Structure formats: structure tokens, C-alpha cells
Amino acid sequence: RQMLYFSLTTLKHKVIVVGLDNAGKTTILYQFLTKEAVHTSPTIGSNVEQITVRNTHFLVWDIGGQENLRASWYSYYCNTEIVILVVDSTDRERLTLTKEELHRMLSHEDLQNAAVLILANKQDVKGSLTAAEISQILTLESITTHSWHVQACCALTGEGLPASLDWMKSRVVAN
């Protein structure tokens, strides 16, 4: 009689969700998980959830974005395959700061093989910047060391998020 043994630990791809405070990181995490908008409060530290996309498992770390927490982001970088940068598309004043944080992150050795997904959140708000405008402000075309993608989305309705998960799956399957 032949016995089949399966590993108890399914391969999980590590994803970190970063961005400035109030960008919508936690709302997006729980929209990925539950497909509905949940009421959130500012994240102190991190939230972690497992998300499965057609048999591909992601361990998703949502990391607090307040100024005093950003200095500790690097402690989450080890073994990260995908960085999701959530951008508040209405927060024009802080996009330069977001750009600085992004480029600082991508220069870190622990992220040298990570793909980057930029979520241009709050597309439902009148006057929000488009994904193309955000791409330009963040100077994404200058990023040649990482594979990246910009996705317009709305955390509250979930619009744009299924396409984001598809892109994430295609990145880890490609590697």
C-alpha cells in the first residue's frame, strides 16, 4: 500500500503592503480577503493575512504607514516577492514623499528581486489623479531594476483589485 505525504506548509509568497498613512492599505487587504469594505482604524504595527488566488498562496503583510512607523518597514523586507505600494490618488501634496519612500525601498538589498505593484487608490473620488499621472509623479519609468505595474483601484468597492491579484499571480508564476 502506497502512502502519499503532503507538506503541511504550502508554499506562500510573501507580499508587503506599504504606503503613507490613510492611503487605504488595510481596507485593500481586507477587500482582497473578504471582497467587502471593512471599517478600519490606523494600523499600529502590522496586519497579516493569507490570500489564495487560484491555488497560489500569498502571505500579505499590511504595514502601518504613519511617519514614525516607516523607519521600520525594512524589517519586513526579507524574502518579500511583491511590494504593493498603495497611493492615495487624492493626496497630491504627499506624492513626492511617496516617491522618496518607494525609491528608498527599492534600493534595499532585501528587495532586489521583488516586483512592485502600485495601487492608485481612491479612483472613485472626483479630481483624483489617474494611474498614468501617478506613474509620472513617482518616476516609475526610471525603475529598470524591478518589474512593476500600476493599477487604478477603489478599496471601498474593490474595483481594480481582481486585476491586481491576477498580476501578482502572474509575477510569482513567472519566477
C-alpha atoms as a PDB file:
ATOM      1  CA  ARG A   1       0.000   0.000   0.000  1.00  0.00           C
ATOM      2  CA  GLN A   2       1.444   3.348  -1.036  1.00  0.00           C
ATOM      3  CA  MET A   3       1.166   6.402   1.187  1.00  0.00           C
ATOM      4  CA  LEU A   4       1.279   9.942  -0.087  1.00  0.00           C
ATOM      5  CA  TYR A   5       2.677  12.632   2.190  1.00  0.00           C
ATOM      6  CA  PHE A   6       1.938  16.281   1.689  1.00  0.00           C
ATOM      7  CA  SER A   7       3.883  19.062   3.248  1.00  0.00           C
ATOM      8  CA  LEU A   8       1.903  20.868   5.911  1.00  0.00           C
ATOM      9  CA  THR A   9       3.351  24.169   4.807  1.00  0.00           C
ATOM     10  CA  THR A  10       2.103  25.171   1.390  1.00  0.00           C
ATOM     11  CA  LEU A  11       4.446  27.496  -0.445  1.00  0.00           C
ATOM     12  CA  LYS A  12       3.400  31.014   0.400  1.00  0.00           C
ATOM     13  CA  HIS A  13       4.615  34.040  -1.488  1.00  0.00           C
ATOM     14  CA  LYS A  14       5.418  36.946   0.802  1.00  0.00           C
ATOM     15  CA  VAL A  15       3.827  40.285  -0.047  1.00  0.00           C
ATOM     16  CA  ILE A  16       4.179  43.528   1.864  1.00  0.00           C
ATOM     17  CA  VAL A  17       1.636  46.338   1.590  1.00  0.00           C
ATOM     18  CA  VAL A  18       3.165  49.754   2.233  1.00  0.00           C
ATOM     19  CA  GLY A  19       2.217  53.374   1.678  1.00  0.00           C
ATOM     20  CA  LEU A  20       1.671  56.550   3.612  1.00  0.00           C
ATOM     21  CA  ASP A  21      -0.899  56.671   6.405  1.00  0.00           C
ATOM     22  CA  ASN A  22      -4.513  56.866   5.209  1.00  0.00           C
ATOM     23  CA  ALA A  23      -3.739  55.529   1.704  1.00  0.00           C
ATOM     24  CA  GLY A  24      -6.110  52.558   2.105  1.00  0.00           C
ATOM     25  CA  LYS A  25      -3.686  49.677   2.772  1.00  0.00           C
ATOM     26  CA  THR A  26      -5.751  47.839   5.385  1.00  0.00           C
ATOM     27  CA  THR A  27      -9.005  48.399   3.501  1.00  0.00           C
ATOM     28  CA  ILE A  28      -7.374  46.835   0.425  1.00  0.00           C
ATOM     29  CA  LEU A  29      -6.025  43.884   2.426  1.00  0.00           C
ATOM     30  CA  TYR A  30      -9.482  43.051   3.776  1.00  0.00           C
ATOM     31  CA  GLN A  31     -11.138  43.722   0.406  1.00  0.00           C
ATOM     32  CA  PHE A  32      -8.747  41.105  -1.078  1.00  0.00           C
ATOM     33  CA  LEU A  33      -9.754  38.731   1.716  1.00  0.00           C
ATOM     34  CA  THR A  34     -13.495  39.283   2.192  1.00  0.00           C
ATOM     35  CA  LYS A  35     -14.492  41.092  -1.038  1.00  0.00           C
ATOM     36  CA  GLU A  36     -16.170  43.782   1.044  1.00  0.00           C
ATOM     37  CA  ALA A  37     -15.276  47.100   2.622  1.00  0.00           C
ATOM     38  CA  VAL A  38     -14.493  46.870   6.314  1.00  0.00           C
ATOM     39  CA  HIS A  39     -14.181  49.706   8.784  1.00  0.00           C
ATOM     40  CA  THR A  40     -10.523  50.149   9.744  1.00  0.00           C
ATOM     41  CA  SER A  41      -8.513  52.301  12.092  1.00  0.00           C
ATOM     42  CA  PRO A  42      -4.861  53.358  11.699  1.00  0.00           C
ATOM     43  CA  THR A  43      -2.558  50.323  11.756  1.00  0.00           C
ATOM     44  CA  ILE A  44      -0.025  50.325  14.565  1.00  0.00           C
ATOM     45  CA  GLY A  45       2.491  47.680  13.579  1.00  0.00           C
ATOM     46  CA  SER A  46       1.060  45.277  11.003  1.00  0.00           C
ATOM     47  CA  ASN A  47      -1.785  43.006   9.957  1.00  0.00           C
ATOM     48  CA  VAL A  48      -1.066  39.695   8.218  1.00  0.00           C
ATOM     49  CA  GLU A  49      -3.460  37.523   6.242  1.00  0.00           C
ATOM     50  CA  GLN A  50      -3.216  34.631   3.812  1.00  0.00           C
ATOM     51  CA  ILE A  51      -4.867  35.217   0.447  1.00  0.00           C
ATOM     52  CA  THR A  52      -5.258  32.459  -2.130  1.00  0.00           C
ATOM     53  CA  VAL A  53      -5.637  33.223  -5.831  1.00  0.00           C
ATOM     54  CA  ARG A  54      -6.448  30.056  -7.808  1.00  0.00           C
ATOM     55  CA  ASN A  55      -4.137  27.771  -5.773  1.00  0.00           C
ATOM     56  CA  THR A  56      -1.400  30.390  -5.364  1.00  0.00           C
ATOM     57  CA  HIS A  57      -0.961  31.379  -1.728  1.00  0.00           C
ATOM     58  CA  PHE A  58       0.160  34.827  -0.645  1.00  0.00           C
ATOM     59  CA  LEU A  59       1.107  35.814   2.886  1.00  0.00           C
ATOM     60  CA  VAL A  60       0.236  39.508   2.880  1.00  0.00           C
ATOM     61  CA  TRP A  61       1.710  41.872   5.470  1.00  0.00           C
ATOM     62  CA  ASP A  62      -0.069  45.229   5.760  1.00  0.00           C
ATOM     63  CA  ILE A  63       2.397  47.580   7.465  1.00  0.00           C
ATOM     64  CA  GLY A  64       1.454  50.808   9.229  1.00  0.00           C
ATOM     65  CA  GLY A  65       2.301  53.941   7.240  1.00  0.00           C
ATOM     66  CA  GLN A  66       2.472  56.672   9.865  1.00  0.00           C
ATOM     67  CA  GLU A  67       5.721  58.610   9.725  1.00  0.00           C
ATOM     68  CA  ASN A  68       7.116  57.089  12.933  1.00  0.00           C
ATOM     69  CA  LEU A  69       6.481  53.545  11.610  1.00  0.00           C
ATOM     70  CA  ARG A  70       8.039  53.948   8.133  1.00  0.00           C
ATOM     71  CA  ALA A  71      11.554  53.660   9.529  1.00  0.00           C
ATOM     72  CA  SER A  72      10.782  50.035  10.495  1.00  0.00           C
ATOM     73  CA  TRP A  73       9.457  48.947   7.085  1.00  0.00           C
ATOM     74  CA  TYR A  74      12.862  47.431   6.225  1.00  0.00           C
ATOM     75  CA  SER A  75      12.406  44.822   8.972  1.00  0.00           C
ATOM     76  CA  TYR A  76       9.660  43.234   6.815  1.00  0.00           C
ATOM     77  CA  TYR A  77      11.666  43.128   3.556  1.00  0.00           C
ATOM     78  CA  CYS A  78      13.404  39.753   3.929  1.00  0.00           C
ATOM     79  CA  ASN A  79      12.011  37.158   1.446  1.00  0.00           C
ATOM     80  CA  THR A  80       9.444  39.612   0.047  1.00  0.00           C
ATOM     81  CA  GLU A  81       8.454  38.729  -3.513  1.00  0.00           C
ATOM     82  CA  ILE A  82       5.975  41.526  -4.136  1.00  0.00           C
ATOM     83  CA  VAL A  83       5.759  45.044  -2.729  1.00  0.00           C
ATOM     84  CA  ILE A  84       2.322  46.615  -3.004  1.00  0.00           C
ATOM     85  CA  LEU A  85       2.575  50.386  -2.714  1.00  0.00           C
ATOM     86  CA  VAL A  86      -0.836  51.897  -2.031  1.00  0.00           C
ATOM     87  CA  VAL A  87      -1.146  55.504  -3.153  1.00  0.00           C
ATOM     88  CA  ASP A  88      -3.940  57.874  -2.164  1.00  0.00           C
ATOM     89  CA  SER A  89      -4.714  59.330  -5.601  1.00  0.00           C
ATOM     90  CA  THR A  90      -6.232  62.441  -3.979  1.00  0.00           C
ATOM     91  CA  ASP A  91      -3.192  63.271  -1.799  1.00  0.00           C
ATOM     92  CA  ARG A  92      -1.226  65.395  -4.281  1.00  0.00           C
ATOM     93  CA  GLU A  93       0.764  67.150  -1.533  1.00  0.00           C
ATOM     94  CA  ARG A  94       2.408  63.934  -0.322  1.00  0.00           C
ATOM     95  CA  LEU A  95       3.132  62.192  -3.623  1.00  0.00           C
ATOM     96  CA  THR A  96       6.729  63.417  -3.588  1.00  0.00           C
ATOM     97  CA  LEU A  97       7.131  61.811  -0.162  1.00  0.00           C
ATOM     98  CA  THR A  98       5.625  58.581  -1.528  1.00  0.00           C
ATOM     99  CA  LYS A  99       8.116  58.712  -4.406  1.00  0.00           C
ATOM    100  CA  GLU A 100      11.040  59.123  -1.979  1.00  0.00           C
ATOM    101  CA  GLU A 101       9.843  56.183   0.139  1.00  0.00           C
ATOM    102  CA  LEU A 102       9.408  53.988  -2.963  1.00  0.00           C
ATOM    103  CA  HIS A 103      12.854  54.691  -4.382  1.00  0.00           C
ATOM    104  CA  ARG A 104      14.469  54.250  -0.933  1.00  0.00           C
ATOM    105  CA  MET A 105      12.758  50.861  -0.565  1.00  0.00           C
ATOM    106  CA  LEU A 106      13.804  49.644  -3.993  1.00  0.00           C
ATOM    107  CA  SER A 107      17.455  50.382  -3.252  1.00  0.00           C
ATOM    108  CA  HIS A 108      17.367  47.973  -0.269  1.00  0.00           C
ATOM    109  CA  GLU A 109      19.227  44.711  -0.952  1.00  0.00           C
ATOM    110  CA  ASP A 110      16.453  42.550   0.553  1.00  0.00           C
ATOM    111  CA  LEU A 111      14.046  43.822  -2.114  1.00  0.00           C
ATOM    112  CA  GLN A 112      16.334  43.483  -5.141  1.00  0.00           C
ATOM    113  CA  ASN A 113      14.226  40.632  -6.580  1.00  0.00           C
ATOM    114  CA  ALA A 114      10.814  41.943  -5.575  1.00  0.00           C
ATOM    115  CA  ALA A 115       8.169  43.001  -8.086  1.00  0.00           C
ATOM    116  CA  VAL A 116       6.282  46.232  -7.374  1.00  0.00           C
ATOM    117  CA  LEU A 117       2.544  46.758  -7.692  1.00  0.00           C
ATOM    118  CA  ILE A 118       1.418  50.365  -7.335  1.00  0.00           C
ATOM    119  CA  LEU A 119      -2.258  50.664  -6.448  1.00  0.00           C
ATOM    120  CA  ALA A 120      -3.633  54.084  -7.365  1.00  0.00           C
ATOM    121  CA  ASN A 121      -6.410  54.010  -4.756  1.00  0.00           C
ATOM    122  CA  LYS A 122      -9.441  56.283  -4.293  1.00  0.00           C
ATOM    123  CA  GLN A 123     -10.231  56.475  -8.011  1.00  0.00           C
ATOM    124  CA  ASP A 124     -13.873  56.996  -7.010  1.00  0.00           C
ATOM    125  CA  VAL A 125     -13.055  60.467  -5.645  1.00  0.00           C
ATOM    126  CA  LYS A 126     -13.663  63.365  -8.028  1.00  0.00           C
ATOM    127  CA  GLY A 127     -10.418  65.011  -9.081  1.00  0.00           C
ATOM    128  CA  SER A 128      -8.193  62.071  -8.133  1.00  0.00           C
ATOM    129  CA  LEU A 129      -5.015  61.630 -10.159  1.00  0.00           C
ATOM    130  CA  THR A 130      -5.060  58.915 -12.824  1.00  0.00           C
ATOM    131  CA  ALA A 131      -2.772  55.886 -12.728  1.00  0.00           C
ATOM    132  CA  ALA A 132      -0.763  57.462 -15.584  1.00  0.00           C
ATOM    133  CA  GLU A 133      -0.326  60.742 -13.666  1.00  0.00           C
ATOM    134  CA  ILE A 134       0.788  58.859 -10.554  1.00  0.00           C
ATOM    135  CA  SER A 135       3.201  56.799 -12.650  1.00  0.00           C
ATOM    136  CA  GLN A 136       4.737  60.036 -13.935  1.00  0.00           C
ATOM    137  CA  ILE A 137       4.997  61.707 -10.493  1.00  0.00           C
ATOM    138  CA  LEU A 138       6.596  58.577  -8.984  1.00  0.00           C
ATOM    139  CA  THR A 139       9.009  58.427 -11.982  1.00  0.00           C
ATOM    140  CA  LEU A 140       8.231  54.735 -12.458  1.00  0.00           C
ATOM    141  CA  GLU A 141       9.769  54.673 -15.933  1.00  0.00           C
ATOM    142  CA  SER A 142      13.149  55.217 -14.239  1.00  0.00           C
ATOM    143  CA  ILE A 143      12.750  51.879 -12.400  1.00  0.00           C
ATOM    144  CA  THR A 144      14.593  49.345 -14.522  1.00  0.00           C
ATOM    145  CA  THR A 145      15.761  47.007 -11.749  1.00  0.00           C
ATOM    146  CA  HIS A 146      12.302  45.760 -10.744  1.00  0.00           C
ATOM    147  CA  SER A 147       9.261  44.552 -12.595  1.00  0.00           C
ATOM    148  CA  TRP A 148       6.398  46.965 -11.793  1.00  0.00           C
ATOM    149  CA  HIS A 149       2.758  47.611 -12.639  1.00  0.00           C
ATOM    150  CA  VAL A 150       0.316  50.428 -11.829  1.00  0.00           C
ATOM    151  CA  GLN A 151      -3.330  49.591 -11.215  1.00  0.00           C
ATOM    152  CA  ALA A 152      -6.125  52.111 -10.673  1.00  0.00           C
ATOM    153  CA  CYS A 153      -8.433  50.904  -7.926  1.00  0.00           C
ATOM    154  CA  CYS A 154     -11.005  51.730  -5.295  1.00  0.00           C
ATOM    155  CA  ALA A 155     -10.549  49.951  -1.966  1.00  0.00           C
ATOM    156  CA  LEU A 156     -14.167  50.577  -0.918  1.00  0.00           C
ATOM    157  CA  THR A 157     -15.779  48.957  -3.971  1.00  0.00           C
ATOM    158  CA  GLY A 158     -12.984  46.536  -4.848  1.00  0.00           C
ATOM    159  CA  GLU A 159     -12.760  47.914  -8.383  1.00  0.00           C
ATOM    160  CA  GLY A 160      -9.345  47.154  -9.921  1.00  0.00           C
ATOM    161  CA  LEU A 161      -8.363  44.697  -7.186  1.00  0.00           C
ATOM    162  CA  PRO A 162      -9.093  41.408  -9.024  1.00  0.00           C
ATOM    163  CA  ALA A 163      -6.756  42.597 -11.812  1.00  0.00           C
ATOM    164  CA  SER A 164      -4.117  43.336  -9.134  1.00  0.00           C
ATOM    165  CA  LEU A 165      -4.343  39.793  -7.784  1.00  0.00           C
ATOM    166  CA  ASP A 166      -4.072  38.414 -11.330  1.00  0.00           C
ATOM    167  CA  TRP A 167      -0.901  40.461 -11.879  1.00  0.00           C
ATOM    168  CA  MET A 168       0.551  39.216  -8.564  1.00  0.00           C
ATOM    169  CA  LYS A 169      -0.172  35.609  -9.506  1.00  0.00           C
ATOM    170  CA  SER A 170       1.419  36.076 -12.939  1.00  0.00           C
ATOM    171  CA  ARG A 171       4.577  37.509 -11.296  1.00  0.00           C
ATOM    172  CA  VAL A 172       5.151  34.601  -8.923  1.00  0.00           C
ATOM    173  CA  VAL A 173       4.246  32.017 -11.583  1.00  0.00           C
ATOM    174  CA  ALA A 174       6.778  33.667 -13.945  1.00  0.00           C
ATOM    175  CA  ASN A 175       9.546  33.309 -11.359  1.00  0.00           C
END
